[in-house]
PDB file of N, CA and C in Angstrom:
ATOM      1  N   MET A   1     103.091  90.545 231.268  1.00  0.00           N
ATOM      2  CA  MET A   1     102.111  90.403 232.327  1.00  0.00           C
ATOM      3  C   MET A   1     101.303  89.118 232.113  1.00  0.00           C
ATOM      4  N   SER A   2     101.051  88.415 233.193  1.00  0.00           N
ATOM      5  CA  SER A   2     100.318  87.160 233.135  1.00  0.00           C
ATOM      6  C   SER A   2      98.833  87.396 232.874  1.00  0.00           C
ATOM      7  N   ASN A   3      98.195  86.426 232.258  1.00  0.00           N
ATOM      8  CA  ASN A   3      96.762  86.492 232.026  1.00  0.00           C
ATOM      9  C   ASN A   3      95.986  85.832 233.155  1.00  0.00           C
ATOM     10  N   TYR A   4      96.690  85.482 234.237  1.00  0.00           N
ATOM     11  CA  TYR A   4      96.067  84.826 235.382  1.00  0.00           C
ATOM     12  C   TYR A   4      96.588  85.412 236.682  1.00  0.00           C
ATOM     13  N   ILE A   5      95.791  85.277 237.727  1.00  0.00           N
ATOM     14  CA  ILE A   5      96.209  85.621 239.080  1.00  0.00           C
ATOM     15  C   ILE A   5      95.917  84.417 239.966  1.00  0.00           C
ATOM     16  N   TYR A   6      96.510  84.410 241.138  1.00  0.00           N
ATOM     17  CA  TYR A   6      96.326  83.324 242.094  1.00  0.00           C
ATOM     18  C   TYR A   6      95.663  83.891 243.340  1.00  0.00           C
ATOM     19  N   VAL A   7      94.516  83.330 243.681  1.00  0.00           N
ATOM     20  CA  VAL A   7      93.710  83.826 244.793  1.00  0.00           C
ATOM     21  C   VAL A   7      93.692  82.773 245.897  1.00  0.00           C
ATOM     22  N   PHE A   8      94.055  83.193 247.117  1.00  0.00           N
ATOM     23  CA  PHE A   8      94.056  82.278 248.252  1.00  0.00           C
ATOM     24  C   PHE A   8      92.866  82.552 249.147  1.00  0.00           C
ATOM     25  N   GLN A   9      92.164  81.471 249.490  1.00  0.00           N
ATOM     26  CA  GLN A   9      91.072  81.541 250.452  1.00  0.00           C
ATOM     27  C   GLN A   9      91.411  80.588 251.577  1.00  0.00           C
ATOM     28  N   GLY A  10      91.641  81.142 252.757  1.00  0.00           N
ATOM     29  CA  GLY A  10      91.996  80.333 253.907  1.00  0.00           C
ATOM     30  C   GLY A  10      90.838  79.463 254.359  1.00  0.00           C
ATOM     31  N   SER A  11      91.153  78.344 254.963  1.00  0.00           N
ATOM     32  CA  SER A  11      90.126  77.437 255.486  1.00  0.00           C
ATOM     33  C   SER A  11      89.221  78.200 256.448  1.00  0.00           C
ATOM     34  N   GLY A  12      87.933  78.115 256.223  1.00  0.00           N
ATOM     35  CA  GLY A  12      86.958  78.782 257.073  1.00  0.00           C
ATOM     36  C   GLY A  12      86.690  80.238 256.730  1.00  0.00           C
ATOM     37  N   ALA A  13      87.473  80.807 255.819  1.00  0.00           N
ATOM     38  CA  ALA A  13      87.273  82.209 255.436  1.00  0.00           C
ATOM     39  C   ALA A  13      86.099  82.324 254.474  1.00  0.00           C
ATOM     40  N   ARG A  14      85.350  83.402 254.573  1.00  0.00           N
ATOM     41  CA  ARG A  14      84.234  83.633 253.662  1.00  0.00           C
ATOM     42  C   ARG A  14      84.691  84.352 252.393  1.00  0.00           C
ATOM     43  N   LEU A  15      85.796  85.066 252.474  1.00  0.00           N
ATOM     44  CA  LEU A  15      86.331  85.812 251.336  1.00  0.00           C
ATOM     45  C   LEU A  15      87.805  85.457 251.157  1.00  0.00           C
ATOM     46  N   CYS A  16      88.360  85.858 250.021  1.00  0.00           N
ATOM     47  CA  CYS A  16      89.778  85.580 249.797  1.00  0.00           C
ATOM     48  C   CYS A  16      90.622  86.404 250.769  1.00  0.00           C
ATOM     49  N   THR A  17      91.815  85.897 251.054  1.00  0.00           N
ATOM     50  CA  THR A  17      92.696  86.578 251.991  1.00  0.00           C
ATOM     51  C   THR A  17      93.957  87.126 251.329  1.00  0.00           C
ATOM     52  N   ALA A  18      94.196  86.742 250.069  1.00  0.00           N
ATOM     53  CA  ALA A  18      95.378  87.245 249.369  1.00  0.00           C
ATOM     54  C   ALA A  18      95.250  86.972 247.872  1.00  0.00           C
ATOM     55  N   VAL A  19      95.894  87.843 247.090  1.00  0.00           N
ATOM     56  CA  VAL A  19      95.915  87.709 245.630  1.00  0.00           C
ATOM     57  C   VAL A  19      97.359  87.905 245.177  1.00  0.00           C
ATOM     58  N   PHE A  20      97.822  87.017 244.288  1.00  0.00           N
ATOM     59  CA  PHE A  20      99.214  87.043 243.855  1.00  0.00           C
ATOM     60  C   PHE A  20      99.333  87.009 242.334  1.00  0.00           C
ATOM     61  N   SER A  21     100.435  87.550 241.842  1.00  0.00           N
ATOM     62  CA  SER A  21     100.697  87.559 240.402  1.00  0.00           C
ATOM     63  C   SER A  21     101.354  86.266 239.926  1.00  0.00           C
ATOM     64  N   SER A  22     101.852  85.457 240.849  1.00  0.00           N
ATOM     65  CA  SER A  22     102.480  84.188 240.458  1.00  0.00           C
ATOM     66  C   SER A  22     102.242  83.120 241.527  1.00  0.00           C
ATOM     67  N   MET A  23     102.307  81.887 241.096  1.00  0.00           N
ATOM     68  CA  MET A  23     102.146  80.776 242.024  1.00  0.00           C
ATOM     69  C   MET A  23     103.309  80.726 243.008  1.00  0.00           C
ATOM     70  N   ASP A  24     104.516  81.038 242.547  1.00  0.00           N
ATOM     71  CA  ASP A  24     105.688  81.037 243.429  1.00  0.00           C
ATOM     72  C   ASP A  24     105.501  82.001 244.602  1.00  0.00           C
ATOM     73  N   LYS A  25     105.006  83.204 244.310  1.00  0.00           N
ATOM     74  CA  LYS A  25     104.784  84.197 245.369  1.00  0.00           C
ATOM     75  C   LYS A  25     103.691  83.726 246.325  1.00  0.00           C
ATOM     76  N   ALA A  26     102.643  83.136 245.767  1.00  0.00           N
ATOM     77  CA  ALA A  26     101.545  82.637 246.602  1.00  0.00           C
ATOM     78  C   ALA A  26     102.036  81.536 247.533  1.00  0.00           C
ATOM     79  N   GLU A  27     102.756  80.568 246.986  1.00  0.00           N
ATOM     80  CA  GLU A  27     103.217  79.450 247.800  1.00  0.00           C
ATOM     81  C   GLU A  27     104.223  79.888 248.858  1.00  0.00           C
ATOM     82  N   ALA A  28     105.056  80.870 248.542  1.00  0.00           N
ATOM     83  CA  ALA A  28     106.003  81.377 249.538  1.00  0.00           C
ATOM     84  C   ALA A  28     105.253  81.987 250.721  1.00  0.00           C
ATOM     85  N   TRP A  29     104.201  82.741 250.446  1.00  0.00           N
ATOM     86  CA  TRP A  29     103.404  83.371 251.504  1.00  0.00           C
ATOM     87  C   TRP A  29     102.654  82.322 252.326  1.00  0.00           C
ATOM     88  N   ILE A  30     102.060  81.351 251.653  1.00  0.00           N
ATOM     89  CA  ILE A  30     101.326  80.277 252.334  1.00  0.00           C
ATOM     90  C   ILE A  30     102.267  79.500 253.252  1.00  0.00           C
ATOM     91  N   LYS A  31     103.457  79.186 252.740  1.00  0.00           N
ATOM     92  CA  LYS A  31     104.448  78.434 253.518  1.00  0.00           C
ATOM     93  C   LYS A  31     104.967  79.268 254.692  1.00  0.00           C
ATOM     94  N   LYS A  32     105.222  80.547 254.458  1.00  0.00           N
ATOM     95  CA  LYS A  32     105.748  81.444 255.498  1.00  0.00           C
ATOM     96  C   LYS A  32     104.886  81.412 256.750  1.00  0.00           C
ATOM     97  N   TYR A  33     103.568  81.395 256.570  1.00  0.00           N
ATOM     98  CA  TYR A  33     102.651  81.447 257.707  1.00  0.00           C
ATOM     99  C   TYR A  33     102.025  80.100 258.052  1.00  0.00           C
ATOM    100  N   GLY A  34     102.383  79.041 257.339  1.00  0.00           N
ATOM    101  CA  GLY A  34     101.840  77.719 257.631  1.00  0.00           C
ATOM    102  C   GLY A  34     100.334  77.648 257.462  1.00  0.00           C
ATOM    103  N   LEU A  35      99.842  78.234 256.366  1.00  0.00           N
ATOM    104  CA  LEU A  35      98.403  78.369 256.161  1.00  0.00           C
ATOM    105  C   LEU A  35      97.753  77.128 255.571  1.00  0.00           C
ATOM    106  N   SER A  36      96.455  77.015 255.810  1.00  0.00           N
ATOM    107  CA  SER A  36      95.624  75.961 255.228  1.00  0.00           C
ATOM    108  C   SER A  36      94.529  76.643 254.415  1.00  0.00           C
ATOM    109  N   GLY A  37      94.239  76.085 253.257  1.00  0.00           N
ATOM    110  CA  GLY A  37      93.189  76.656 252.432  1.00  0.00           C
ATOM    111  C   GLY A  37      93.329  76.250 250.978  1.00  0.00           C
ATOM    112  N   LEU A  38      92.748  77.063 250.122  1.00  0.00           N
ATOM    113  CA  LEU A  38      92.660  76.769 248.696  1.00  0.00           C
ATOM    114  C   LEU A  38      93.259  77.915 247.880  1.00  0.00           C
ATOM    115  N   LEU A  39      94.162  77.577 246.971  1.00  0.00           N
ATOM    116  CA  LEU A  39      94.752  78.538 246.038  1.00  0.00           C
ATOM    117  C   LEU A  39      94.179  78.238 244.655  1.00  0.00           C
ATOM    118  N   THR A  40      93.551  79.232 244.042  1.00  0.00           N
ATOM    119  CA  THR A  40      92.902  79.039 242.747  1.00  0.00           C
ATOM    120  C   THR A  40      93.487  79.994 241.723  1.00  0.00           C
ATOM    121  N   LYS A  41      93.734  79.481 240.532  1.00  0.00           N
ATOM    122  CA  LYS A  41      94.246  80.271 239.412  1.00  0.00           C
ATOM    123  C   LYS A  41      93.039  80.817 238.640  1.00  0.00           C
ATOM    124  N   TYR A  42      92.881  82.148 238.651  1.00  0.00           N
ATOM    125  CA  TYR A  42      91.754  82.809 237.994  1.00  0.00           C
ATOM    126  C   TYR A  42      92.213  83.570 236.755  1.00  0.00           C
ATOM    127  N   PRO A  43      91.372  83.616 235.734  1.00  0.00           N
ATOM    128  CA  PRO A  43      91.706  84.440 234.566  1.00  0.00           C
ATOM    129  C   PRO A  43      91.634  85.913 234.945  1.00  0.00           C
ATOM    130  N   LEU A  44      92.554  86.688 234.429  1.00  0.00           N
ATOM    131  CA  LEU A  44      92.619  88.122 234.707  1.00  0.00           C
ATOM    132  C   LEU A  44      91.798  88.883 233.669  1.00  0.00           C
ATOM    133  N   ASN A  45      91.007  89.823 234.117  1.00  0.00           N
ATOM    134  CA  ASN A  45      90.180  90.674 233.251  1.00  0.00           C
ATOM    135  C   ASN A  45      89.099  89.894 232.504  1.00  0.00           C
ATOM    136  N   GLU A  46      88.642  88.800 233.092  1.00  0.00           N
ATOM    137  CA  GLU A  46      87.596  87.995 232.475  1.00  0.00           C
ATOM    138  C   GLU A  46      86.829  87.267 233.573  1.00  0.00           C
ATOM    139  N   GLY A  47      85.521  87.235 233.469  1.00  0.00           N
ATOM    140  CA  GLY A  47      84.709  86.502 234.426  1.00  0.00           C
ATOM    141  C   GLY A  47      84.854  85.008 234.226  1.00  0.00           C
ATOM    142  N   VAL A  48      84.729  84.253 235.306  1.00  0.00           N
ATOM    143  CA  VAL A  48      84.844  82.797 235.239  1.00  0.00           C
ATOM    144  C   VAL A  48      83.761  82.213 234.330  1.00  0.00           C
ATOM    145  N   TYR A  49      82.572  82.786 234.364  1.00  0.00           N
ATOM    146  CA  TYR A  49      81.471  82.322 233.512  1.00  0.00           C
ATOM    147  C   TYR A  49      81.881  82.373 232.035  1.00  0.00           C
ATOM    148  N   ASP A  50      82.388  83.527 231.586  1.00  0.00           N
ATOM    149  CA  ASP A  50      82.817  83.675 230.189  1.00  0.00           C
ATOM    150  C   ASP A  50      84.007  82.769 229.872  1.00  0.00           C
ATOM    151  N   TRP A  51      84.952  82.693 230.803  1.00  0.00           N
ATOM    152  CA  TRP A  51      86.139  81.848 230.626  1.00  0.00           C
ATOM    153  C   TRP A  51      85.734  80.392 230.436  1.00  0.00           C
ATOM    154  N   ALA A  52      84.813  79.912 231.272  1.00  0.00           N
ATOM    155  CA  ALA A  52      84.376  78.516 231.189  1.00  0.00           C
ATOM    156  C   ALA A  52      83.664  78.229 229.869  1.00  0.00           C
ATOM    157  N   ILE A  53      82.867  79.175 229.396  1.00  0.00           N
ATOM    158  CA  ILE A  53      82.182  78.992 228.110  1.00  0.00           C
ATOM    159  C   ILE A  53      83.203  78.991 226.967  1.00  0.00           C
ATOM    160  N   GLU A  54      84.113  79.964 226.964  1.00  0.00           N
ATOM    161  CA  GLU A  54      85.113  80.080 225.894  1.00  0.00           C
ATOM    162  C   GLU A  54      86.030  78.855 225.818  1.00  0.00           C
ATOM    163  N   ASN A  55      86.293  78.237 226.962  1.00  0.00           N
ATOM    164  CA  ASN A  55      87.192  77.074 227.005  1.00  0.00           C
ATOM    165  C   ASN A  55      86.444  75.746 226.984  1.00  0.00           C
ATOM    166  N   HIS A  56      85.159  75.814 226.703  1.00  0.00           N
ATOM    167  CA  HIS A  56      84.310  74.619 226.551  1.00  0.00           C
ATOM    168  C   HIS A  56      84.201  73.774 227.819  1.00  0.00           C
ATOM    169  N   TYR A  57      84.279  74.435 228.979  1.00  0.00           N
ATOM    170  CA  TYR A  57      84.071  73.745 230.248  1.00  0.00           C
ATOM    171  C   TYR A  57      82.609  73.820 230.685  1.00  0.00           C
ATOM    172  N   PHE A  58      81.873  74.766 230.106  1.00  0.00           N
ATOM    173  CA  PHE A  58      80.478  74.970 230.483  1.00  0.00           C
ATOM    174  C   PHE A  58      79.700  75.496 229.289  1.00  0.00           C
ATOM    175  N   THR A  59      78.497  74.984 229.141  1.00  0.00           N
ATOM    176  CA  THR A  59      77.560  75.470 228.139  1.00  0.00           C
ATOM    177  C   THR A  59      76.220  75.687 228.827  1.00  0.00           C
ATOM    178  N   PRO A  60      75.678  76.907 228.784  1.00  0.00           N
ATOM    179  CA  PRO A  60      74.367  77.125 229.393  1.00  0.00           C
ATOM    180  C   PRO A  60      73.332  76.195 228.753  1.00  0.00           C
ATOM    181  N   LYS A  61      72.561  75.526 229.596  1.00  0.00           N
ATOM    182  CA  LYS A  61      71.591  74.550 229.100  1.00  0.00           C
ATOM    183  C   LYS A  61      70.160  75.072 229.103  1.00  0.00           C
ATOM    184  N   ASN A  62      69.945  76.223 229.752  1.00  0.00           N
ATOM    185  CA  ASN A  62      68.606  76.814 229.785  1.00  0.00           C
ATOM    186  C   ASN A  62      68.733  78.318 230.042  1.00  0.00           C
ATOM    187  N   GLU A  63      67.635  79.015 229.933  1.00  0.00           N
ATOM    188  CA  GLU A  63      67.651  80.477 230.088  1.00  0.00           C
ATOM    189  C   GLU A  63      68.043  80.900 231.506  1.00  0.00           C
ATOM    190  N   GLN A  64      67.700  80.102 232.507  1.00  0.00           N
ATOM    191  CA  GLN A  64      68.050  80.431 233.894  1.00  0.00           C
ATOM    192  C   GLN A  64      69.567  80.515 234.057  1.00  0.00           C
ATOM    193  N   GLN A  65      70.321  79.719 233.302  1.00  0.00           N
ATOM    194  CA  GLN A  65      71.780  79.720 233.394  1.00  0.00           C
ATOM    195  C   GLN A  65      72.420  80.892 232.646  1.00  0.00           C
ATOM    196  N   LYS A  66      71.599  81.791 232.149  1.00  0.00           N
ATOM    197  CA  LYS A  66      72.088  83.005 231.490  1.00  0.00           C
ATOM    198  C   LYS A  66      71.701  84.253 232.271  1.00  0.00           C
ATOM    199  N   THR A  67      71.120  84.079 233.451  1.00  0.00           N
ATOM    200  CA  THR A  67      70.635  85.216 234.235  1.00  0.00           C
ATOM    201  C   THR A  67      71.738  85.800 235.116  1.00  0.00           C
ATOM    202  N   PRO A  68      71.591  87.065 235.505  1.00  0.00           N
ATOM    203  CA  PRO A  68      72.572  87.669 236.414  1.00  0.00           C
ATOM    204  C   PRO A  68      72.724  86.902 237.727  1.00  0.00           C
ATOM    205  N   VAL A  69      71.630  86.416 238.289  1.00  0.00           N
ATOM    206  CA  VAL A  69      71.702  85.681 239.558  1.00  0.00           C
ATOM    207  C   VAL A  69      72.575  84.435 239.415  1.00  0.00           C
ATOM    208  N   PHE A  70      72.444  83.721 238.320  1.00  0.00           N
ATOM    209  CA  PHE A  70      73.264  82.533 238.076  1.00  0.00           C
ATOM    210  C   PHE A  70      74.723  82.923 237.844  1.00  0.00           C
ATOM    211  N   ILE A  71      74.950  83.903 236.962  1.00  0.00           N
ATOM    212  CA  ILE A  71      76.315  84.296 236.577  1.00  0.00           C
ATOM    213  C   ILE A  71      77.099  84.845 237.769  1.00  0.00           C
ATOM    214  N   GLN A  72      76.452  85.628 238.632  1.00  0.00           N
ATOM    215  CA  GLN A  72      77.172  86.233 239.762  1.00  0.00           C
ATOM    216  C   GLN A  72      77.581  85.220 240.826  1.00  0.00           C
ATOM    217  N   LYS A  73      77.014  84.025 240.799  1.00  0.00           N
ATOM    218  CA  LYS A  73      77.375  82.960 241.738  1.00  0.00           C
ATOM    219  C   LYS A  73      78.213  81.865 241.081  1.00  0.00           C
ATOM    220  N   PHE A  74      78.452  81.982 239.788  1.00  0.00           N
ATOM    221  CA  PHE A  74      79.088  80.922 239.016  1.00  0.00           C
ATOM    222  C   PHE A  74      80.540  80.696 239.426  1.00  0.00           C
ATOM    223  N   SER A  75      80.913  79.443 239.524  1.00  0.00           N
ATOM    224  CA  SER A  75      82.291  79.035 239.715  1.00  0.00           C
ATOM    225  C   SER A  75      82.504  77.789 238.864  1.00  0.00           C
ATOM    226  N   SER A  76      83.737  77.407 238.666  1.00  0.00           N
ATOM    227  CA  SER A  76      84.019  76.250 237.829  1.00  0.00           C
ATOM    228  C   SER A  76      85.088  75.379 238.472  1.00  0.00           C
ATOM    229  N   ALA A  77      84.794  74.097 238.584  1.00  0.00           N
ATOM    230  CA  ALA A  77      85.782  73.145 239.095  1.00  0.00           C
ATOM    231  C   ALA A  77      86.939  72.994 238.109  1.00  0.00           C
ATOM    232  N   SER A  78      86.776  73.508 236.893  1.00  0.00           N
ATOM    233  CA  SER A  78      87.840  73.433 235.883  1.00  0.00           C
ATOM    234  C   SER A  78      88.948  74.448 236.121  1.00  0.00           C
ATOM    235  N   LEU A  79      88.725  75.411 237.021  1.00  0.00           N
ATOM    236  CA  LEU A  79      89.806  76.322 237.378  1.00  0.00           C
ATOM    237  C   LEU A  79      90.895  75.514 238.084  1.00  0.00           C
ATOM    238  N   GLU A  80      92.130  75.762 237.702  1.00  0.00           N
ATOM    239  CA  GLU A  80      93.240  75.070 238.355  1.00  0.00           C
ATOM    240  C   GLU A  80      93.276  75.504 239.821  1.00  0.00           C
ATOM    241  N   HIS A  81      93.309  74.549 240.735  1.00  0.00           N
ATOM    242  CA  HIS A  81      93.313  74.883 242.153  1.00  0.00           C
ATOM    243  C   HIS A  81      94.137  73.871 242.942  1.00  0.00           C
ATOM    244  N   PHE A  82      94.616  74.335 244.098  1.00  0.00           N
ATOM    245  CA  PHE A  82      95.522  73.552 244.920  1.00  0.00           C
ATOM    246  C   PHE A  82      95.117  73.687 246.383  1.00  0.00           C
ATOM    247  N   HIS A  83      95.165  72.584 247.108  1.00  0.00           N
ATOM    248  CA  HIS A  83      94.822  72.563 248.527  1.00  0.00           C
ATOM    249  C   HIS A  83      96.097  72.572 249.364  1.00  0.00           C
ATOM    250  N   TYR A  84      96.053  73.323 250.482  1.00  0.00           N
ATOM    251  CA  TYR A  84      97.200  73.420 251.373  1.00  0.00           C
ATOM    252  C   TYR A  84      96.764  73.096 252.790  1.00  0.00           C
ATOM    253  N   GLU A  85      97.649  72.450 253.498  1.00  0.00           N
ATOM    254  CA  GLU A  85      97.429  72.135 254.900  1.00  0.00           C
ATOM    255  C   GLU A  85      98.700  72.496 255.651  1.00  0.00           C
ATOM    256  N   LEU A  86      98.575  73.432 256.586  1.00  0.00           N
ATOM    257  CA  LEU A  86      99.718  73.883 257.392  1.00  0.00           C
ATOM    258  C   LEU A  86     100.905  74.271 256.525  1.00  0.00           C
ATOM    259  N   GLY A  87     100.627  74.975 255.441  1.00  0.00           N
ATOM    260  CA  GLY A  87     101.678  75.509 254.572  1.00  0.00           C
ATOM    261  C   GLY A  87     102.183  74.587 253.492  1.00  0.00           C
ATOM    262  N   GLU A  88     101.718  73.352 253.478  1.00  0.00           N
ATOM    263  CA  GLU A  88     102.191  72.377 252.490  1.00  0.00           C
ATOM    264  C   GLU A  88     101.093  72.021 251.500  1.00  0.00           C
ATOM    265  N   ARG A  89     101.455  71.952 250.224  1.00  0.00           N
ATOM    266  CA  ARG A  89     100.488  71.559 249.201  1.00  0.00           C
ATOM    267  C   ARG A  89     100.169  70.079 249.347  1.00  0.00           C
ATOM    268  N   GLU A  90      98.889  69.768 249.299  1.00  0.00           N
ATOM    269  CA  GLU A  90      98.468  68.366 249.428  1.00  0.00           C
ATOM    270  C   GLU A  90      98.350  67.719 248.080  1.00  0.00           C
TER     271      GLU A  90
END
């Protein structure tokens, strides 16, 4: 079993529209429907906040960056991600 999943968020969508166990499956679905949006590789069974700290992509610099409000909104540009336009990876 993979330690990552692939999450697709269509252009203009507020929430994700699909989750896949492999990039191949994700890209086949995106291509099938000619979708535009963002495919992001997320760690499985781990929050992005913890993942970013463990992989040295982020270090909290103050107490505010350790609060629930900060952590629940946290994202990282270090997550592997891919942009698609009309079903094709850009």
